[in-house]
Amino acid sequence: MKIITVPHPTLRSVASPVTMVDKKLFEFLKDLEETLLETHNPKGVGLAAPQVDKLKRIFALNLAEDNRELRTVINPEIVAHSSETTFGGEPDEPILEGCLSIPGIYGPVPRWSWVELEYQLVEGTELVKKHERFEDYGARVVQHELDHLDGVLFTDYSLKYDLPLYKEKRGGKKMEEIDKSLLQYI
């Protein structure tokens, strides 16, 4: 599937819940996982349905290097979270989030350090409710993908909290800060 990029309007739309398990859903889940696994430069760790132009409350996660934790989450909802937020990493070197739909742009984002997620998985022909706690990096990825389902992009936090944004320099090894006024175009 093709990953859409800003300023595509679907990226700013709220996705609808999944209510029915059918052949189309099975095919979509398989295609979404395959698309995530095929992303390189950068390697994707999460991919939400709106990023492939489908307004469904679904995202795929690939939190392990060996693809053992590949899963597709349906109708996710955060039901509990830490009281504090963090930028991840070390205080003087926060994790810079990126997005497959905003290629080459990165920035720090405040995220809860852990979240408890209720979601559904397909088992047989049924949607089955699951509950799971994600911490640190996994929690960060889940929050990023959940934002996509609500039409929120990581760059929105840069504007809201006056945080810097960076663009990869040629060769991809160094970053340079960019003017946030460019965000008005996404």
N, C-alpha and C. Protein backbone atom coordinates (compact mmCIF):
# COMPACT_ATOMS: atom_id res chain seq x y z
N MET A 1 0.84 -1.18 0.00
CA MET A 1 0.00 0.00 0.00
C MET A 1 0.89 1.24 0.00
N LYS A 2 0.36 2.31 -0.55
CA LYS A 2 1.09 3.57 -0.60
C LYS A 2 0.87 4.34 0.71
N ILE A 3 1.97 4.80 1.29
CA ILE A 3 1.89 5.65 2.49
C ILE A 3 1.72 7.08 2.03
N ILE A 4 0.65 7.73 2.49
CA ILE A 4 0.40 9.11 2.10
C ILE A 4 1.23 10.05 2.98
N THR A 5 1.48 11.24 2.46
CA THR A 5 2.29 12.22 3.19
C THR A 5 1.54 13.55 3.30
N VAL A 6 2.00 14.38 4.22
CA VAL A 6 1.41 15.71 4.40
C VAL A 6 1.56 16.48 3.09
N PRO A 7 0.59 17.26 2.73
CA PRO A 7 -0.59 17.71 3.47
C PRO A 7 -1.87 16.92 3.15
N HIS A 8 -1.80 15.66 2.83
CA HIS A 8 -2.98 14.88 2.48
C HIS A 8 -4.06 15.04 3.56
N PRO A 9 -5.31 15.37 3.17
CA PRO A 9 -6.37 15.65 4.15
C PRO A 9 -6.74 14.47 5.05
N THR A 10 -6.55 13.24 4.61
CA THR A 10 -6.89 12.09 5.46
C THR A 10 -6.08 12.10 6.75
N LEU A 11 -4.85 12.63 6.70
CA LEU A 11 -4.00 12.65 7.88
C LEU A 11 -4.55 13.57 8.97
N ARG A 12 -5.48 14.44 8.62
CA ARG A 12 -6.08 15.36 9.60
C ARG A 12 -7.51 14.97 9.95
N SER A 13 -7.92 13.77 9.57
CA SER A 13 -9.29 13.31 9.82
C SER A 13 -9.33 12.29 10.95
N VAL A 14 -10.46 12.20 11.61
CA VAL A 14 -10.66 11.24 12.70
C VAL A 14 -11.15 9.92 12.10
N ALA A 15 -10.52 8.83 12.48
CA ALA A 15 -10.86 7.51 11.96
C ALA A 15 -12.08 6.93 12.66
N SER A 16 -12.78 6.05 11.96
CA SER A 16 -14.00 5.41 12.48
C SER A 16 -13.68 4.05 13.10
N PRO A 17 -14.43 3.66 14.13
CA PRO A 17 -14.22 2.34 14.74
C PRO A 17 -14.53 1.20 13.76
N VAL A 18 -13.86 0.09 13.97
CA VAL A 18 -14.12 -1.13 13.22
C VAL A 18 -15.22 -1.87 13.96
N THR A 19 -16.27 -2.28 13.25
CA THR A 19 -17.40 -2.94 13.89
C THR A 19 -17.65 -4.34 13.34
N MET A 20 -17.04 -4.66 12.19
CA MET A 20 -17.36 -5.93 11.54
C MET A 20 -16.08 -6.63 11.07
N VAL A 21 -16.03 -7.92 11.27
CA VAL A 21 -14.92 -8.74 10.76
C VAL A 21 -15.39 -9.40 9.47
N ASP A 22 -14.69 -9.11 8.38
CA ASP A 22 -15.02 -9.72 7.11
C ASP A 22 -13.73 -9.91 6.30
N LYS A 23 -13.88 -10.41 5.10
CA LYS A 23 -12.72 -10.70 4.25
C LYS A 23 -11.92 -9.42 3.97
N LYS A 24 -12.60 -8.31 3.75
CA LYS A 24 -11.92 -7.04 3.49
C LYS A 24 -11.03 -6.64 4.67
N LEU A 25 -11.53 -6.85 5.89
CA LEU A 25 -10.74 -6.51 7.08
C LEU A 25 -9.49 -7.39 7.15
N PHE A 26 -9.65 -8.70 6.95
CA PHE A 26 -8.49 -9.60 6.97
C PHE A 26 -7.45 -9.17 5.96
N GLU A 27 -7.88 -8.85 4.75
CA GLU A 27 -6.95 -8.42 3.69
C GLU A 27 -6.26 -7.12 4.07
N PHE A 28 -7.03 -6.18 4.62
CA PHE A 28 -6.45 -4.90 5.01
C PHE A 28 -5.39 -5.08 6.11
N LEU A 29 -5.71 -5.89 7.13
CA LEU A 29 -4.76 -6.11 8.22
C LEU A 29 -3.46 -6.70 7.69
N LYS A 30 -3.55 -7.68 6.81
CA LYS A 30 -2.38 -8.32 6.21
C LYS A 30 -1.57 -7.29 5.40
N ASP A 31 -2.26 -6.50 4.59
CA ASP A 31 -1.58 -5.49 3.76
C ASP A 31 -0.91 -4.41 4.61
N LEU A 32 -1.58 -4.00 5.70
CA LEU A 32 -1.01 -2.98 6.58
C LEU A 32 0.28 -3.49 7.22
N GLU A 33 0.26 -4.74 7.72
CA GLU A 33 1.46 -5.33 8.32
C GLU A 33 2.58 -5.45 7.29
N GLU A 34 2.26 -5.91 6.09
CA GLU A 34 3.29 -6.04 5.05
C GLU A 34 3.88 -4.69 4.68
N THR A 35 3.04 -3.68 4.59
CA THR A 35 3.53 -2.34 4.26
C THR A 35 4.47 -1.84 5.35
N LEU A 36 4.11 -2.05 6.61
CA LEU A 36 4.99 -1.64 7.71
C LEU A 36 6.33 -2.38 7.63
N LEU A 37 6.29 -3.67 7.40
CA LEU A 37 7.54 -4.44 7.33
C LEU A 37 8.43 -4.03 6.17
N GLU A 38 7.83 -3.47 5.13
CA GLU A 38 8.61 -3.09 3.94
C GLU A 38 9.18 -1.68 4.02
N THR A 39 8.88 -0.93 5.09
CA THR A 39 9.40 0.44 5.18
C THR A 39 10.87 0.41 5.59
N HIS A 40 11.65 1.23 4.92
CA HIS A 40 13.09 1.36 5.18
C HIS A 40 13.47 2.83 4.98
N ASN A 41 14.50 3.23 5.66
CA ASN A 41 15.02 4.61 5.56
C ASN A 41 13.95 5.66 5.82
N PRO A 42 13.39 5.75 7.00
CA PRO A 42 13.69 4.92 8.15
C PRO A 42 12.80 3.68 8.21
N LYS A 43 13.24 2.73 9.01
CA LYS A 43 12.46 1.52 9.26
C LYS A 43 11.27 1.93 10.13
N GLY A 44 10.07 1.54 9.71
CA GLY A 44 8.88 1.89 10.46
C GLY A 44 8.67 0.98 11.66
N VAL A 45 8.21 1.56 12.75
CA VAL A 45 7.85 0.78 13.94
C VAL A 45 6.35 0.82 14.19
N GLY A 46 5.66 1.69 13.48
CA GLY A 46 4.22 1.77 13.58
C GLY A 46 3.64 2.36 12.31
N LEU A 47 2.43 1.94 11.98
CA LEU A 47 1.75 2.46 10.79
C LEU A 47 0.26 2.42 11.04
N ALA A 48 -0.37 3.59 10.98
CA ALA A 48 -1.81 3.70 11.22
C ALA A 48 -2.58 3.68 9.91
N ALA A 49 -3.80 3.17 9.96
CA ALA A 49 -4.64 3.08 8.77
C ALA A 49 -4.77 4.42 8.04
N PRO A 50 -4.94 5.57 8.74
CA PRO A 50 -5.02 6.83 7.99
C PRO A 50 -3.78 7.13 7.14
N GLN A 51 -2.65 6.57 7.52
CA GLN A 51 -1.42 6.80 6.74
C GLN A 51 -1.43 6.08 5.40
N VAL A 52 -2.35 5.14 5.23
CA VAL A 52 -2.53 4.48 3.93
C VAL A 52 -3.91 4.84 3.37
N ASP A 53 -4.42 5.99 3.82
CA ASP A 53 -5.65 6.59 3.31
C ASP A 53 -6.91 5.79 3.63
N LYS A 54 -6.93 5.13 4.79
CA LYS A 54 -8.11 4.41 5.25
C LYS A 54 -8.48 4.95 6.63
N LEU A 55 -9.68 5.49 6.76
CA LEU A 55 -10.09 6.08 8.03
C LEU A 55 -10.74 5.04 8.95
N LYS A 56 -9.93 4.10 9.37
CA LYS A 56 -10.32 3.06 10.32
C LYS A 56 -9.43 3.14 11.54
N ARG A 57 -9.95 2.81 12.72
CA ARG A 57 -9.18 2.87 13.96
C ARG A 57 -8.35 1.60 14.10
N ILE A 58 -7.29 1.56 13.30
CA ILE A 58 -6.38 0.41 13.25
C ILE A 58 -4.96 0.93 13.12
N PHE A 59 -4.03 0.28 13.85
CA PHE A 59 -2.61 0.51 13.53
C PHE A 59 -1.83 -0.76 13.76
N ALA A 60 -0.71 -0.85 13.04
CA ALA A 60 0.20 -1.99 13.16
C ALA A 60 1.42 -1.53 13.94
N LEU A 61 1.95 -2.42 14.77
CA LEU A 61 3.15 -2.15 15.56
C LEU A 61 4.21 -3.20 15.24
N ASN A 62 5.45 -2.78 15.20
CA ASN A 62 6.57 -3.69 15.02
C ASN A 62 7.67 -3.22 15.97
N LEU A 63 7.53 -3.58 17.24
CA LEU A 63 8.43 -3.06 18.28
C LEU A 63 9.71 -3.85 18.45
N ALA A 64 9.84 -5.01 17.81
CA ALA A 64 11.05 -5.83 17.96
C ALA A 64 11.81 -5.88 16.64
N GLU A 65 13.11 -5.89 16.72
CA GLU A 65 13.96 -5.95 15.53
C GLU A 65 13.69 -7.19 14.68
N ASP A 66 13.34 -8.29 15.32
CA ASP A 66 13.16 -9.55 14.60
C ASP A 66 11.72 -9.80 14.18
N ASN A 67 10.88 -8.80 14.27
CA ASN A 67 9.47 -8.86 13.85
C ASN A 67 8.62 -9.81 14.69
N ARG A 68 9.11 -10.26 15.84
CA ARG A 68 8.34 -11.16 16.69
C ARG A 68 7.19 -10.46 17.38
N GLU A 69 7.25 -9.15 17.48
CA GLU A 69 6.18 -8.41 18.16
C GLU A 69 5.28 -7.68 17.17
N LEU A 70 5.29 -8.10 15.91
CA LEU A 70 4.41 -7.50 14.92
C LEU A 70 2.97 -7.82 15.29
N ARG A 71 2.14 -6.80 15.38
CA ARG A 71 0.74 -7.01 15.70
C ARG A 71 -0.08 -5.86 15.14
N THR A 72 -1.34 -6.12 14.97
CA THR A 72 -2.26 -5.09 14.49
C THR A 72 -3.32 -4.86 15.55
N VAL A 73 -3.47 -3.62 15.93
CA VAL A 73 -4.35 -3.20 17.01
C VAL A 73 -5.59 -2.54 16.42
N ILE A 74 -6.75 -2.95 16.89
CA ILE A 74 -8.02 -2.43 16.38
C ILE A 74 -8.76 -1.72 17.51
N ASN A 75 -9.33 -0.57 17.19
CA ASN A 75 -10.13 0.23 18.14
C ASN A 75 -9.40 0.48 19.46
N PRO A 76 -8.16 0.98 19.41
CA PRO A 76 -7.41 1.20 20.65
C PRO A 76 -7.91 2.40 21.44
N GLU A 77 -7.72 2.29 22.75
CA GLU A 77 -8.09 3.39 23.65
C GLU A 77 -7.18 3.33 24.87
N ILE A 78 -6.57 4.45 25.20
CA ILE A 78 -5.76 4.53 26.42
C ILE A 78 -6.72 4.63 27.60
N VAL A 79 -6.58 3.69 28.55
CA VAL A 79 -7.48 3.67 29.70
C VAL A 79 -6.79 4.10 30.99
N ALA A 80 -5.45 4.17 30.96
CA ALA A 80 -4.68 4.67 32.10
C ALA A 80 -3.32 5.09 31.57
N HIS A 81 -2.68 6.01 32.29
CA HIS A 81 -1.35 6.47 31.87
C HIS A 81 -0.60 7.05 33.06
N SER A 82 0.70 7.21 32.88
CA SER A 82 1.52 7.80 33.93
C SER A 82 1.09 9.24 34.17
N SER A 83 1.42 9.77 35.32
CA SER A 83 1.09 11.16 35.61
C SER A 83 2.10 12.11 34.97
N GLU A 84 3.30 11.62 34.73
CA GLU A 84 4.33 12.48 34.17
C GLU A 84 4.54 12.18 32.68
N THR A 85 5.01 13.20 31.99
CA THR A 85 5.40 13.02 30.59
C THR A 85 6.92 13.12 30.50
N THR A 86 7.43 12.61 29.40
CA THR A 86 8.87 12.62 29.18
C THR A 86 9.15 12.80 27.70
N PHE A 87 10.34 13.26 27.40
CA PHE A 87 10.78 13.34 26.01
C PHE A 87 11.57 12.09 25.63
N GLY A 88 11.69 11.14 26.56
CA GLY A 88 12.44 9.92 26.30
C GLY A 88 13.93 10.20 26.26
N GLY A 89 14.72 9.14 26.24
CA GLY A 89 16.17 9.32 26.20
C GLY A 89 16.69 10.02 27.45
N GLU A 90 17.79 10.70 27.30
CA GLU A 90 18.40 11.48 28.38
C GLU A 90 17.83 12.90 28.36
N PRO A 91 17.80 13.57 29.52
CA PRO A 91 17.23 14.92 29.55
C PRO A 91 17.87 15.88 28.54
N ASP A 92 19.17 15.77 28.32
CA ASP A 92 19.82 16.68 27.36
C ASP A 92 19.86 16.11 25.94
N GLU A 93 19.36 14.88 25.76
CA GLU A 93 19.27 14.27 24.43
C GLU A 93 17.96 13.52 24.28
N PRO A 94 16.85 14.26 24.06
CA PRO A 94 15.55 13.60 23.94
C PRO A 94 15.47 12.75 22.68
N ILE A 95 14.56 11.79 22.71
CA ILE A 95 14.27 11.02 21.50
C ILE A 95 13.58 11.96 20.52
N LEU A 96 14.02 11.94 19.28
CA LEU A 96 13.37 12.73 18.24
C LEU A 96 12.43 11.82 17.47
N GLU A 97 11.15 12.15 17.52
CA GLU A 97 10.17 11.36 16.78
C GLU A 97 10.18 11.76 15.32
N GLY A 98 9.90 10.79 14.49
CA GLY A 98 9.72 11.01 13.06
C GLY A 98 8.41 10.35 12.65
N CYS A 99 8.09 10.46 11.37
CA CYS A 99 6.83 9.89 10.89
C CYS A 99 6.97 9.55 9.42
N LEU A 100 6.50 8.38 9.05
CA LEU A 100 6.55 7.95 7.66
C LEU A 100 5.74 8.87 6.76
N SER A 101 4.78 9.61 7.32
CA SER A 101 3.97 10.54 6.54
C SER A 101 4.53 11.96 6.53
N ILE A 102 5.63 12.18 7.25
CA ILE A 102 6.32 13.48 7.24
C ILE A 102 7.82 13.17 7.07
N PRO A 103 8.22 12.70 5.90
CA PRO A 103 9.59 12.21 5.72
C PRO A 103 10.66 13.26 6.00
N GLY A 104 11.70 12.82 6.71
CA GLY A 104 12.88 13.65 6.93
C GLY A 104 12.77 14.69 8.02
N ILE A 105 11.63 14.79 8.70
CA ILE A 105 11.43 15.78 9.76
C ILE A 105 11.34 15.05 11.10
N TYR A 106 11.98 15.61 12.12
CA TYR A 106 12.03 14.99 13.44
C TYR A 106 11.88 16.05 14.52
N GLY A 107 11.38 15.63 15.68
CA GLY A 107 11.26 16.57 16.78
C GLY A 107 10.96 15.87 18.09
N PRO A 108 11.27 16.54 19.21
CA PRO A 108 10.93 16.00 20.52
C PRO A 108 9.43 16.15 20.78
N VAL A 109 8.86 15.15 21.44
CA VAL A 109 7.43 15.17 21.75
C VAL A 109 7.24 14.69 23.19
N PRO A 110 6.50 15.46 24.01
CA PRO A 110 6.22 14.98 25.36
C PRO A 110 5.18 13.85 25.30
N ARG A 111 5.52 12.72 25.91
CA ARG A 111 4.62 11.56 25.92
C ARG A 111 4.58 10.99 27.33
N TRP A 112 3.46 10.36 27.68
CA TRP A 112 3.40 9.65 28.95
C TRP A 112 4.44 8.54 28.92
N SER A 113 5.04 8.26 30.06
CA SER A 113 6.09 7.24 30.11
C SER A 113 5.54 5.82 30.06
N TRP A 114 4.28 5.65 30.44
CA TRP A 114 3.61 4.35 30.26
C TRP A 114 2.14 4.60 29.98
N VAL A 115 1.54 3.67 29.25
CA VAL A 115 0.10 3.73 28.98
C VAL A 115 -0.47 2.32 29.09
N GLU A 116 -1.73 2.25 29.50
CA GLU A 116 -2.47 0.99 29.45
C GLU A 116 -3.48 1.15 28.32
N LEU A 117 -3.45 0.17 27.44
CA LEU A 117 -4.25 0.24 26.22
C LEU A 117 -5.28 -0.89 26.22
N GLU A 118 -6.53 -0.51 25.95
CA GLU A 118 -7.55 -1.51 25.64
C GLU A 118 -7.72 -1.46 24.14
N TYR A 119 -7.76 -2.63 23.52
CA TYR A 119 -7.89 -2.70 22.08
C TYR A 119 -8.50 -4.04 21.72
N GLN A 120 -8.71 -4.24 20.44
CA GLN A 120 -9.27 -5.50 19.97
C GLN A 120 -8.32 -6.14 18.96
N LEU A 121 -8.35 -7.47 18.94
CA LEU A 121 -7.66 -8.27 17.94
C LEU A 121 -8.68 -9.16 17.28
N VAL A 122 -8.39 -9.60 16.06
CA VAL A 122 -9.26 -10.55 15.40
C VAL A 122 -8.83 -11.95 15.81
N GLU A 123 -9.75 -12.69 16.36
CA GLU A 123 -9.53 -14.11 16.67
C GLU A 123 -10.65 -14.88 15.99
N GLY A 124 -10.28 -15.67 14.98
CA GLY A 124 -11.29 -16.36 14.19
C GLY A 124 -12.07 -15.34 13.40
N THR A 125 -13.35 -15.23 13.70
CA THR A 125 -14.20 -14.24 13.03
C THR A 125 -14.75 -13.21 14.01
N GLU A 126 -14.10 -13.11 15.17
CA GLU A 126 -14.57 -12.21 16.23
C GLU A 126 -13.53 -11.15 16.56
N LEU A 127 -14.00 -10.00 17.04
CA LEU A 127 -13.12 -9.00 17.64
C LEU A 127 -13.07 -9.30 19.13
N VAL A 128 -11.87 -9.55 19.64
CA VAL A 128 -11.69 -9.92 21.04
C VAL A 128 -10.94 -8.81 21.76
N LYS A 129 -11.47 -8.40 22.92
CA LYS A 129 -10.88 -7.30 23.69
C LYS A 129 -9.61 -7.75 24.40
N LYS A 130 -8.59 -6.89 24.36
CA LYS A 130 -7.31 -7.13 25.04
C LYS A 130 -6.97 -5.90 25.87
N HIS A 131 -6.12 -6.11 26.84
CA HIS A 131 -5.64 -5.03 27.71
C HIS A 131 -4.14 -5.23 27.87
N GLU A 132 -3.37 -4.18 27.65
CA GLU A 132 -1.92 -4.32 27.72
C GLU A 132 -1.29 -3.01 28.18
N ARG A 133 -0.19 -3.17 28.90
CA ARG A 133 0.58 -2.00 29.35
C ARG A 133 1.82 -1.87 28.48
N PHE A 134 2.08 -0.66 28.01
CA PHE A 134 3.27 -0.35 27.22
C PHE A 134 4.09 0.67 28.00
N GLU A 135 5.39 0.49 28.01
CA GLU A 135 6.27 1.41 28.73
C GLU A 135 7.34 1.96 27.81
N ASP A 136 7.87 3.11 28.22
CA ASP A 136 9.01 3.74 27.56
C ASP A 136 8.79 3.86 26.05
N TYR A 137 9.68 3.26 25.25
CA TYR A 137 9.62 3.40 23.80
C TYR A 137 8.31 2.84 23.24
N GLY A 138 7.86 1.70 23.72
CA GLY A 138 6.61 1.12 23.25
C GLY A 138 5.43 2.05 23.51
N ALA A 139 5.42 2.68 24.68
CA ALA A 139 4.36 3.64 25.02
C ALA A 139 4.40 4.84 24.07
N ARG A 140 5.59 5.28 23.74
CA ARG A 140 5.77 6.41 22.82
C ARG A 140 5.20 6.07 21.44
N VAL A 141 5.51 4.88 20.94
CA VAL A 141 5.02 4.47 19.62
C VAL A 141 3.50 4.36 19.62
N VAL A 142 2.94 3.74 20.66
CA VAL A 142 1.48 3.59 20.75
C VAL A 142 0.80 4.96 20.74
N GLN A 143 1.32 5.92 21.49
CA GLN A 143 0.72 7.26 21.54
C GLN A 143 0.81 7.96 20.19
N HIS A 144 1.94 7.80 19.52
CA HIS A 144 2.12 8.40 18.19
C HIS A 144 1.08 7.84 17.21
N GLU A 145 0.92 6.51 17.20
CA GLU A 145 -0.03 5.89 16.27
C GLU A 145 -1.46 6.23 16.63
N LEU A 146 -1.78 6.27 17.91
CA LEU A 146 -3.12 6.65 18.35
C LEU A 146 -3.44 8.08 17.93
N ASP A 147 -2.46 8.97 18.00
CA ASP A 147 -2.66 10.34 17.51
C ASP A 147 -3.11 10.33 16.05
N HIS A 148 -2.49 9.48 15.23
CA HIS A 148 -2.89 9.41 13.81
C HIS A 148 -4.37 9.10 13.65
N LEU A 149 -4.92 8.29 14.54
CA LEU A 149 -6.33 7.92 14.43
C LEU A 149 -7.24 9.09 14.76
N ASP A 150 -6.68 10.11 15.41
CA ASP A 150 -7.44 11.31 15.76
C ASP A 150 -7.05 12.53 14.94
N GLY A 151 -6.28 12.31 13.86
CA GLY A 151 -5.91 13.42 12.98
C GLY A 151 -4.83 14.32 13.54
N VAL A 152 -4.06 13.83 14.51
CA VAL A 152 -3.00 14.61 15.15
C VAL A 152 -1.64 14.14 14.62
N LEU A 153 -0.78 15.08 14.29
CA LEU A 153 0.58 14.77 13.84
C LEU A 153 1.58 15.19 14.91
N PHE A 154 2.73 14.52 14.95
CA PHE A 154 3.71 14.84 16.00
C PHE A 154 4.16 16.28 15.92
N THR A 155 4.12 16.89 14.74
CA THR A 155 4.54 18.28 14.59
C THR A 155 3.58 19.24 15.31
N ASP A 156 2.36 18.80 15.58
CA ASP A 156 1.41 19.65 16.32
C ASP A 156 1.95 19.99 17.71
N TYR A 157 2.70 19.07 18.30
CA TYR A 157 3.28 19.31 19.63
C TYR A 157 4.37 20.39 19.56
N SER A 158 5.06 20.45 18.42
CA SER A 158 6.09 21.49 18.26
C SER A 158 5.47 22.87 18.34
N LEU A 159 4.33 23.03 17.71
CA LEU A 159 3.64 24.32 17.78
C LEU A 159 3.04 24.57 19.15
N LYS A 160 2.38 23.56 19.70
CA LYS A 160 1.70 23.72 20.98
C LYS A 160 2.67 24.07 22.11
N TYR A 161 3.84 23.42 22.12
CA TYR A 161 4.79 23.60 23.22
C TYR A 161 6.04 24.37 22.82
N ASP A 162 6.03 24.98 21.65
CA ASP A 162 7.17 25.74 21.14
C ASP A 162 8.46 24.91 21.19
N LEU A 163 8.40 23.74 20.57
CA LEU A 163 9.54 22.82 20.53
C LEU A 163 10.21 22.88 19.16
N PRO A 164 11.49 22.60 19.11
CA PRO A 164 12.19 22.65 17.82
C PRO A 164 11.81 21.48 16.91
N LEU A 165 11.99 21.70 15.62
CA LEU A 165 11.88 20.64 14.62
C LEU A 165 13.19 20.60 13.84
N TYR A 166 13.54 19.41 13.40
CA TYR A 166 14.80 19.21 12.70
C TYR A 166 14.58 18.48 11.40
N LYS A 167 15.46 18.80 10.45
CA LYS A 167 15.45 18.12 9.16
C LYS A 167 16.80 17.43 8.99
N GLU A 168 16.76 16.24 8.40
CA GLU A 168 18.01 15.54 8.13
C GLU A 168 18.81 16.31 7.10
N LYS A 169 20.10 16.46 7.37
CA LYS A 169 20.99 17.03 6.36
C LYS A 169 21.30 15.94 5.36
N ARG A 170 21.84 16.31 4.23
CA ARG A 170 22.22 15.31 3.22
C ARG A 170 23.09 14.24 3.86
N GLY A 171 22.80 13.00 3.52
CA GLY A 171 23.53 11.88 4.10
C GLY A 171 22.84 11.32 5.33
N GLY A 172 21.92 12.10 5.94
CA GLY A 172 21.10 11.60 7.03
C GLY A 172 21.78 11.43 8.37
N LYS A 173 23.03 11.89 8.53
CA LYS A 173 23.72 11.67 9.80
C LYS A 173 23.59 12.84 10.76
N LYS A 174 23.33 14.04 10.25
CA LYS A 174 23.22 15.22 11.10
C LYS A 174 21.87 15.89 10.86
N MET A 175 21.48 16.67 11.86
CA MET A 175 20.20 17.37 11.80
C MET A 175 20.42 18.87 11.85
N GLU A 176 19.51 19.61 11.21
CA GLU A 176 19.53 21.06 11.32
C GLU A 176 18.13 21.53 11.68
N GLU A 177 18.05 22.51 12.57
CA GLU A 177 16.75 23.01 13.00
C GLU A 177 16.08 23.73 11.84
N ILE A 178 14.77 23.57 11.74
CA ILE A 178 14.01 24.24 10.69
C ILE A 178 13.02 25.24 11.30
N ASP A 179 12.57 26.15 10.47
CA ASP A 179 11.63 27.17 10.87
C ASP A 179 10.24 26.56 11.05
N LYS A 180 9.66 26.68 12.23
CA LYS A 180 8.34 26.08 12.51
C LYS A 180 7.22 26.75 11.71
N SER A 181 7.47 27.91 11.15
CA SER A 181 6.41 28.53 10.35
C SER A 181 6.09 27.69 9.11
N LEU A 182 6.99 26.79 8.76
CA LEU A 182 6.73 25.87 7.64
C LEU A 182 5.59 24.91 7.97
N LEU A 183 5.26 24.76 9.25
CA LEU A 183 4.21 23.84 9.66
C LEU A 183 2.83 24.28 9.17
N GLN A 184 2.68 25.54 8.84
CA GLN A 184 1.38 25.99 8.36
C GLN A 184 0.98 25.29 7.06
N TYR A 185 1.94 24.69 6.38
CA TYR A 185 1.66 24.00 5.13
C TYR A 185 1.33 22.53 5.33
N ILE A 186 1.42 22.04 6.58
CA ILE A 186 1.06 20.66 6.82
C ILE A 186 -0.04 20.64 7.86
